Amino acid sequence: MKYQTKGTCSTSIDLEVEEGKIKFVEFFGGCNGNLKGIASLVTGMGIDEAISKLKGIRCGFKATSCPDQLAQALEKLKNESC
């Protein structure tokens, strides 16, 4: 799934989920090292766990962040697969 982010330095997120677990995450744009770290940490994690850990995180004064956008992408993917 390719997810277009909103309100962040990253422009999009490419992600793969298989059997409820995150298999692959790649951010485009944004803080390269930090986003590679987040991708590495959530790989293998269940969708619900990742959403609960990342949802609502803010970046400075922005209403969202790259981790929050990943949570939103996962929620969208989860809702589409139902």
N, C-alpha and C. Protein backbone atom coordinates (compact mmCIF):
# COMPACT_ATOMS: atom_id res chain seq x y z
N MET A 1 0.85 -1.18 0.00
CA MET A 1 0.00 0.00 0.00
C MET A 1 0.89 1.23 0.00
N LYS A 2 0.53 2.20 -0.79
CA LYS A 2 1.21 3.49 -0.81
C LYS A 2 0.26 4.49 -0.17
N TYR A 3 0.73 5.16 0.90
CA TYR A 3 -0.10 6.11 1.63
C TYR A 3 0.50 7.50 1.51
N GLN A 4 -0.30 8.45 1.05
CA GLN A 4 0.13 9.84 0.94
C GLN A 4 -0.04 10.52 2.29
N THR A 5 1.05 10.96 2.87
CA THR A 5 0.99 11.60 4.18
C THR A 5 0.46 13.03 4.07
N LYS A 6 -0.02 13.53 5.19
CA LYS A 6 -0.54 14.90 5.24
C LYS A 6 0.04 15.60 6.46
N GLY A 7 0.60 16.79 6.27
CA GLY A 7 1.07 17.60 7.39
C GLY A 7 2.43 17.22 7.95
N THR A 8 3.21 16.45 7.19
CA THR A 8 4.54 16.03 7.66
C THR A 8 5.60 16.31 6.60
N CYS A 9 6.84 16.21 7.02
CA CYS A 9 7.95 16.37 6.08
C CYS A 9 8.03 15.19 5.11
N SER A 10 7.67 14.01 5.57
CA SER A 10 7.63 12.87 4.64
C SER A 10 6.43 13.06 3.72
N THR A 11 6.56 12.55 2.50
CA THR A 11 5.50 12.74 1.51
C THR A 11 4.62 11.52 1.33
N SER A 12 5.18 10.34 1.63
CA SER A 12 4.40 9.12 1.50
C SER A 12 5.06 7.98 2.27
N ILE A 13 4.27 6.93 2.47
CA ILE A 13 4.73 5.74 3.16
C ILE A 13 4.33 4.54 2.31
N ASP A 14 5.29 3.66 2.07
CA ASP A 14 5.01 2.40 1.39
C ASP A 14 5.03 1.32 2.46
N LEU A 15 3.97 0.52 2.56
CA LEU A 15 3.95 -0.50 3.59
C LEU A 15 3.27 -1.77 3.12
N GLU A 16 3.70 -2.87 3.74
CA GLU A 16 3.14 -4.18 3.48
C GLU A 16 2.76 -4.82 4.80
N VAL A 17 1.58 -5.41 4.83
CA VAL A 17 1.11 -6.12 6.01
C VAL A 17 0.68 -7.51 5.56
N GLU A 18 1.06 -8.51 6.34
CA GLU A 18 0.68 -9.88 6.03
C GLU A 18 0.21 -10.57 7.31
N GLU A 19 -0.99 -11.11 7.27
CA GLU A 19 -1.57 -11.82 8.41
C GLU A 19 -1.54 -10.99 9.69
N GLY A 20 -1.87 -9.69 9.55
CA GLY A 20 -1.96 -8.81 10.71
C GLY A 20 -0.64 -8.29 11.25
N LYS A 21 0.47 -8.62 10.59
CA LYS A 21 1.79 -8.15 11.03
C LYS A 21 2.43 -7.29 9.94
N ILE A 22 3.16 -6.28 10.39
CA ILE A 22 3.84 -5.38 9.47
C ILE A 22 5.06 -6.09 8.91
N LYS A 23 5.14 -6.18 7.59
CA LYS A 23 6.25 -6.87 6.93
C LYS A 23 7.28 -5.88 6.37
N PHE A 24 6.83 -4.69 5.98
CA PHE A 24 7.73 -3.74 5.32
C PHE A 24 7.18 -2.33 5.49
N VAL A 25 8.06 -1.38 5.79
CA VAL A 25 7.70 0.04 5.86
C VAL A 25 8.83 0.85 5.26
N GLU A 26 8.49 1.79 4.39
CA GLU A 26 9.48 2.73 3.85
C GLU A 26 8.84 4.11 3.75
N PHE A 27 9.48 5.09 4.36
CA PHE A 27 9.03 6.48 4.28
C PHE A 27 9.79 7.17 3.16
N PHE A 28 9.12 8.11 2.49
CA PHE A 28 9.76 8.92 1.45
C PHE A 28 9.77 10.36 1.93
N GLY A 29 10.95 10.96 1.96
CA GLY A 29 11.12 12.30 2.50
C GLY A 29 11.25 12.22 4.01
N GLY A 30 11.31 13.36 4.65
CA GLY A 30 11.39 13.38 6.11
C GLY A 30 12.79 13.14 6.64
N CYS A 31 12.89 12.85 7.90
CA CYS A 31 14.17 12.65 8.59
C CYS A 31 14.63 11.20 8.37
N ASN A 32 15.48 11.01 7.41
CA ASN A 32 15.85 9.68 6.93
C ASN A 32 16.23 8.70 8.03
N GLY A 33 17.17 9.06 8.89
CA GLY A 33 17.62 8.14 9.93
C GLY A 33 16.54 7.78 10.92
N ASN A 34 15.79 8.78 11.38
CA ASN A 34 14.71 8.53 12.33
C ASN A 34 13.63 7.63 11.73
N LEU A 35 13.29 7.89 10.47
CA LEU A 35 12.22 7.12 9.85
C LEU A 35 12.66 5.70 9.53
N LYS A 36 13.93 5.51 9.21
CA LYS A 36 14.44 4.15 9.04
C LYS A 36 14.38 3.41 10.37
N GLY A 37 14.67 4.11 11.46
CA GLY A 37 14.59 3.51 12.79
C GLY A 37 13.17 3.09 13.13
N ILE A 38 12.20 3.97 12.87
CA ILE A 38 10.80 3.64 13.14
C ILE A 38 10.39 2.43 12.30
N ALA A 39 10.75 2.43 11.03
CA ALA A 39 10.41 1.31 10.14
C ALA A 39 10.99 0.01 10.68
N SER A 40 12.23 0.05 11.14
CA SER A 40 12.87 -1.15 11.67
C SER A 40 12.17 -1.63 12.95
N LEU A 41 11.79 -0.70 13.80
CA LEU A 41 11.15 -1.06 15.07
C LEU A 41 9.76 -1.68 14.88
N VAL A 42 9.01 -1.21 13.90
CA VAL A 42 7.64 -1.73 13.73
C VAL A 42 7.58 -2.97 12.85
N THR A 43 8.64 -3.27 12.11
CA THR A 43 8.63 -4.46 11.26
C THR A 43 8.51 -5.70 12.14
N GLY A 44 7.52 -6.53 11.83
CA GLY A 44 7.24 -7.72 12.62
C GLY A 44 6.20 -7.50 13.70
N MET A 45 5.86 -6.25 13.95
CA MET A 45 4.88 -5.90 15.00
C MET A 45 3.47 -6.06 14.45
N GLY A 46 2.54 -6.40 15.31
CA GLY A 46 1.13 -6.47 14.93
C GLY A 46 0.59 -5.08 14.64
N ILE A 47 -0.39 -5.01 13.75
CA ILE A 47 -0.99 -3.73 13.37
C ILE A 47 -1.54 -2.99 14.58
N ASP A 48 -2.31 -3.66 15.40
CA ASP A 48 -2.96 -3.00 16.53
C ASP A 48 -1.93 -2.45 17.53
N GLU A 49 -0.87 -3.20 17.77
CA GLU A 49 0.16 -2.74 18.69
C GLU A 49 0.85 -1.48 18.14
N ALA A 50 1.18 -1.50 16.85
CA ALA A 50 1.83 -0.34 16.24
C ALA A 50 0.92 0.89 16.30
N ILE A 51 -0.35 0.70 15.99
CA ILE A 51 -1.30 1.82 16.03
C ILE A 51 -1.36 2.40 17.43
N SER A 52 -1.45 1.53 18.44
CA SER A 52 -1.58 2.03 19.82
C SER A 52 -0.32 2.76 20.27
N LYS A 53 0.83 2.38 19.78
CA LYS A 53 2.08 3.03 20.17
C LYS A 53 2.32 4.35 19.42
N LEU A 54 1.84 4.44 18.18
CA LEU A 54 2.20 5.58 17.32
C LEU A 54 1.10 6.64 17.18
N LYS A 55 -0.14 6.24 17.33
CA LYS A 55 -1.25 7.17 17.10
C LYS A 55 -1.22 8.33 18.08
N GLY A 56 -1.36 9.52 17.55
CA GLY A 56 -1.44 10.72 18.38
C GLY A 56 -0.11 11.41 18.65
N ILE A 57 1.00 10.80 18.23
CA ILE A 57 2.30 11.46 18.41
C ILE A 57 2.34 12.71 17.54
N ARG A 58 2.81 13.80 18.12
CA ARG A 58 2.89 15.07 17.39
C ARG A 58 4.35 15.44 17.15
N CYS A 59 4.58 16.21 16.12
CA CYS A 59 5.91 16.70 15.79
C CYS A 59 5.91 18.22 16.03
N GLY A 60 6.54 18.63 17.10
CA GLY A 60 6.56 20.05 17.43
C GLY A 60 5.15 20.59 17.60
N PHE A 61 4.85 21.65 16.87
CA PHE A 61 3.53 22.28 16.95
C PHE A 61 2.56 21.73 15.93
N LYS A 62 3.00 20.77 15.12
CA LYS A 62 2.11 20.16 14.11
C LYS A 62 1.09 19.27 14.80
N ALA A 63 -0.04 19.11 14.17
CA ALA A 63 -1.10 18.26 14.72
C ALA A 63 -0.84 16.78 14.50
N THR A 64 0.19 16.44 13.75
CA THR A 64 0.51 15.06 13.42
C THR A 64 2.03 14.88 13.37
N SER A 65 2.46 13.70 13.00
CA SER A 65 3.88 13.40 12.85
C SER A 65 4.00 12.23 11.89
N CYS A 66 5.21 11.89 11.51
CA CYS A 66 5.41 10.72 10.64
C CYS A 66 4.94 9.43 11.32
N PRO A 67 5.25 9.22 12.61
CA PRO A 67 4.71 8.02 13.26
C PRO A 67 3.18 8.02 13.31
N ASP A 68 2.57 9.17 13.57
CA ASP A 68 1.11 9.27 13.58
C ASP A 68 0.55 8.97 12.20
N GLN A 69 1.21 9.45 11.16
CA GLN A 69 0.76 9.17 9.79
C GLN A 69 0.86 7.68 9.48
N LEU A 70 1.89 7.01 10.00
CA LEU A 70 2.00 5.56 9.83
C LEU A 70 0.82 4.87 10.52
N ALA A 71 0.47 5.32 11.72
CA ALA A 71 -0.69 4.75 12.43
C ALA A 71 -1.96 4.95 11.61
N GLN A 72 -2.12 6.12 11.02
CA GLN A 72 -3.30 6.39 10.20
C GLN A 72 -3.32 5.50 8.96
N ALA A 73 -2.15 5.29 8.36
CA ALA A 73 -2.07 4.40 7.19
C ALA A 73 -2.44 2.98 7.58
N LEU A 74 -1.98 2.53 8.74
CA LEU A 74 -2.30 1.18 9.21
C LEU A 74 -3.78 1.04 9.51
N GLU A 75 -4.38 2.08 10.09
CA GLU A 75 -5.83 2.05 10.35
C GLU A 75 -6.61 1.95 9.05
N LYS A 76 -6.19 2.72 8.05
CA LYS A 76 -6.85 2.68 6.74
C LYS A 76 -6.73 1.29 6.13
N LEU A 77 -5.54 0.73 6.16
CA LEU A 77 -5.30 -0.60 5.62
C LEU A 77 -6.15 -1.64 6.36
N LYS A 78 -6.21 -1.53 7.66
CA LYS A 78 -7.00 -2.46 8.48
C LYS A 78 -8.48 -2.37 8.12
N ASN A 79 -8.99 -1.15 7.97
CA ASN A 79 -10.40 -0.95 7.64
C ASN A 79 -10.74 -1.44 6.24
N GLU A 80 -9.80 -1.32 5.31
CA GLU A 80 -10.03 -1.76 3.94
C GLU A 80 -10.04 -3.28 3.82
N SER A 81 -9.33 -3.95 4.72
CA SER A 81 -9.25 -5.41 4.64
C SER A 81 -10.42 -6.11 5.33
N CYS A 82 -11.26 -5.33 6.00
CA CYS A 82 -12.42 -5.93 6.71
C CYS A 82 -13.53 -6.26 5.75
